[in-house]
Protein backbone atom coordinates (compact mmCIF):
# COMPACT_ATOMS: atom_id res chain seq x y z
CA MET A 1 74.92 118.16 -23.62
CA ASN A 2 72.74 120.33 -25.82
CA LYS A 3 70.41 117.41 -26.59
CA ILE A 4 69.96 116.58 -22.88
CA PHE A 5 69.19 120.23 -22.09
CA LEU A 6 66.64 120.38 -24.93
CA LEU A 7 65.00 117.10 -23.78
CA ALA A 8 64.77 118.36 -20.18
CA LEU A 9 63.22 121.61 -21.40
CA VAL A 10 60.57 119.74 -23.45
CA LEU A 11 59.72 117.47 -20.50
CA LEU A 12 59.42 120.46 -18.17
CA ALA A 13 57.14 122.29 -20.60
CA THR A 14 54.95 119.18 -21.00
CA ALA A 15 54.67 118.74 -17.22
CA ILE A 16 53.69 122.38 -16.69
CA ALA A 17 51.14 122.24 -19.54
CA GLY A 18 49.65 119.06 -18.06
CA CYS A 19 49.06 120.73 -14.70
CA LEU A 20 47.14 123.71 -16.08
CA PRO A 21 43.35 123.66 -15.57
CA ILE A 22 41.15 122.90 -18.58
CA LYS A 23 39.04 125.79 -19.80
CA LYS A 24 35.48 124.85 -20.72
CA THR A 25 34.04 126.47 -23.80
CA GLY A 26 30.43 126.69 -24.93
CA ASN A 27 27.21 125.82 -23.14
CA THR A 28 27.50 122.61 -21.13
CA THR A 29 23.80 122.28 -20.28
CA LYS A 30 21.46 120.53 -22.70
CA SER A 31 18.03 122.02 -23.23
CA GLU A 32 16.77 119.89 -26.10
CA ASP A 33 13.36 118.33 -25.33
CA LEU A 34 13.41 114.62 -26.20
CA SER A 35 9.97 113.79 -24.78
CA VAL A 36 8.43 113.85 -28.27
CA TYR A 37 10.52 110.79 -29.18
CA ARG A 38 9.63 108.74 -26.12
CA PRO A 39 6.98 106.02 -26.61
CA LYS A 40 3.64 106.58 -24.94
CA TYR A 41 1.94 103.67 -23.19
CA ALA A 42 -1.72 103.29 -22.36
CA GLU A 43 -2.57 102.64 -18.73
CA ALA A 44 -2.96 98.96 -17.91
CA ASP A 45 -6.39 98.99 -16.28
CA ALA A 46 -7.33 95.47 -17.32
CA GLN A 47 -6.52 92.67 -14.94
CA VAL A 48 -4.09 89.95 -15.93
CA ASN A 49 -5.77 86.97 -17.53
CA ASN A 50 -4.85 83.79 -15.63
CA GLU A 51 -6.36 81.41 -18.19
CA ASP A 52 -3.03 81.09 -20.01
CA GLU A 53 -1.21 79.66 -16.97
CA PRO A 54 -0.63 75.91 -17.09
CA LYS A 55 -2.68 73.77 -14.78
CA ASP A 56 -1.08 71.25 -12.40
CA THR A 57 -0.57 68.01 -14.26
CA VAL A 58 0.35 64.56 -13.07
CA PHE A 59 3.68 63.30 -14.39
CA ASN A 60 3.71 59.66 -15.43
CA GLU A 61 7.02 57.84 -15.40
CA PRO A 62 8.03 56.43 -18.80
CA THR A 63 7.44 52.72 -19.22
CA GLN A 64 10.10 52.11 -21.89
CA ASP A 65 13.04 53.94 -20.38
CA ILE A 66 16.30 53.74 -22.35
CA THR A 67 18.30 56.24 -20.29
CA ALA A 68 20.95 53.70 -19.30
CA GLU A 69 21.57 52.71 -22.92
CA VAL A 70 21.77 56.35 -24.05
CA ASP A 71 24.15 57.21 -21.22
CA LYS A 72 26.39 54.31 -22.17
CA THR A 73 26.43 55.44 -25.80
CA LEU A 74 27.14 59.05 -24.85
CA ALA A 75 29.94 58.00 -22.53
CA THR A 76 31.69 56.11 -25.30
CA ALA A 77 30.93 58.72 -27.98
CA TYR A 78 32.35 61.72 -26.14
CA ARG A 79 35.81 60.69 -25.11
CA ASN A 80 38.37 63.37 -24.50
CA GLU A 81 41.69 63.32 -26.34
CA LYS A 82 43.69 63.23 -23.07
CA GLY A 83 41.58 60.72 -21.18
CA ASN A 84 38.38 58.76 -20.96
CA TYR A 85 36.05 61.28 -19.40
CA VAL A 86 33.06 63.38 -20.21
CA MET A 87 31.93 66.61 -18.60
CA GLY A 88 29.19 65.91 -16.10
CA TYR A 89 27.73 67.06 -12.79
CA THR A 90 27.77 66.23 -9.10
CA ILE A 91 25.92 67.61 -6.10
CA GLN A 92 28.07 69.21 -3.41
CA VAL A 93 26.35 69.28 -0.01
CA TYR A 94 29.25 70.49 2.15
CA SER A 95 32.55 72.29 1.74
CA GLY A 96 34.51 73.29 4.82
CA THR A 97 37.27 72.44 7.26
CA ASN A 98 35.23 70.55 9.87
CA ARG A 99 35.25 66.74 9.49
CA ASP A 100 32.31 66.28 11.92
CA ARG A 101 30.08 68.57 9.87
CA ALA A 102 31.06 66.68 6.72
CA ASP A 103 30.06 63.38 8.35
CA TYR A 104 26.81 64.95 9.55
CA ARG A 105 25.90 66.14 6.04
CA LYS A 106 26.75 62.70 4.69
CA SER A 107 24.34 61.11 7.16
CA ILE A 108 21.61 63.57 6.18
CA VAL A 109 22.04 62.58 2.53
CA TYR A 110 21.65 58.92 3.50
CA GLN A 111 18.40 59.81 5.28
CA ILE A 112 17.05 61.70 2.26
CA ILE A 113 18.15 59.20 -0.39
CA PRO A 114 19.03 55.77 1.06
CA ASP A 115 20.48 54.52 -2.27
CA ALA A 116 22.83 57.47 -2.63
CA ARG A 117 26.55 57.05 -2.12
CA PRO A 118 27.87 60.36 -0.82
CA LYS A 119 31.64 60.65 -0.87
CA ILE A 120 33.88 62.80 1.33
CA ASP A 121 36.84 64.29 -0.53
CA TRP A 122 39.66 65.76 1.52
CA ASN A 123 41.89 68.31 -0.17
CA ALA A 124 43.86 69.94 2.65
CA PRO A 125 42.44 71.72 4.57
CA ASN A 126 38.92 71.34 3.10
CA TYR A 127 36.41 68.53 3.23
CA LYS A 128 33.85 68.27 0.44
CA VAL A 129 30.83 66.00 0.53
CA ARG A 130 29.62 65.16 -2.96
CA VAL A 131 26.76 62.99 -4.13
CA GLY A 132 26.65 61.14 -7.44
CA ARG A 133 28.28 61.53 -10.83
CA TYR A 134 25.85 62.43 -13.59
CA ILE A 135 26.43 62.95 -17.29
CA GLU A 136 23.21 64.87 -17.90
CA LYS A 137 22.24 67.95 -15.92
CA LEU A 138 18.55 66.94 -15.88
CA GLU A 139 19.48 63.61 -14.31
CA ALA A 140 21.47 65.38 -11.58
CA HIS A 141 18.79 68.02 -11.06
CA LYS A 142 16.20 65.39 -10.07
CA ILE A 143 18.31 64.29 -7.09
CA TYR A 144 19.47 67.86 -6.45
CA THR A 145 15.90 69.08 -5.85
CA GLN A 146 15.31 66.34 -3.27
CA ILE A 147 18.52 67.21 -1.41
CA LYS A 148 18.00 70.98 -1.68
CA LYS A 149 14.78 70.72 0.38
CA GLU A 150 16.75 69.49 3.40
CA ILE A 151 20.15 71.06 2.72
CA PRO A 152 19.70 74.57 1.27
CA GLN A 153 23.48 75.02 0.85
CA ALA A 154 23.68 72.17 -1.70
CA ILE A 155 24.93 73.17 -5.14
CA LEU A 156 25.17 71.48 -8.51
CA ILE A 157 28.72 71.67 -9.85
CA PRO A 158 30.36 70.55 -13.13
CA ILE A 159 32.98 67.80 -12.93
CA LYS A 160 34.85 65.37 -15.15
CA VAL A 161 33.11 61.98 -15.09
CA TYR A 162 35.64 59.25 -15.83
CA ASN A 163 34.63 55.98 -17.50
């Protein structure tokens, strides 16, 4: 009984001490001048020189393209322990619950890129329209920029690309 009384008394004293206001001691305002340590910058009166900017150049397509061979090698080289897939990218042009809008976005993709094969995935209750499966982000970005001009909501998302 004595121990319980002593414990209750300690808890009561701690609770009362915790509720008391804190007394501030000393000067709380800082008056030290730190401006002597700040760097000083000269005014930028000169205009920006535009000679360093790159000029528009014409991009020539490579004549000895080996992308397909490299992709095949990469796909076989980077196999996951649990399955035959590599991390890649796809372009998502629609995500929502309306099937008609999904079909509409799919038709727009066909108009932009006739060779594309957009696919509608249905994971209740959402429809997702996705275009392509790419191993390299640069490869996906080329198609993505074409689609993004017509469909601003398009996004590039990471996926597992199965062999």
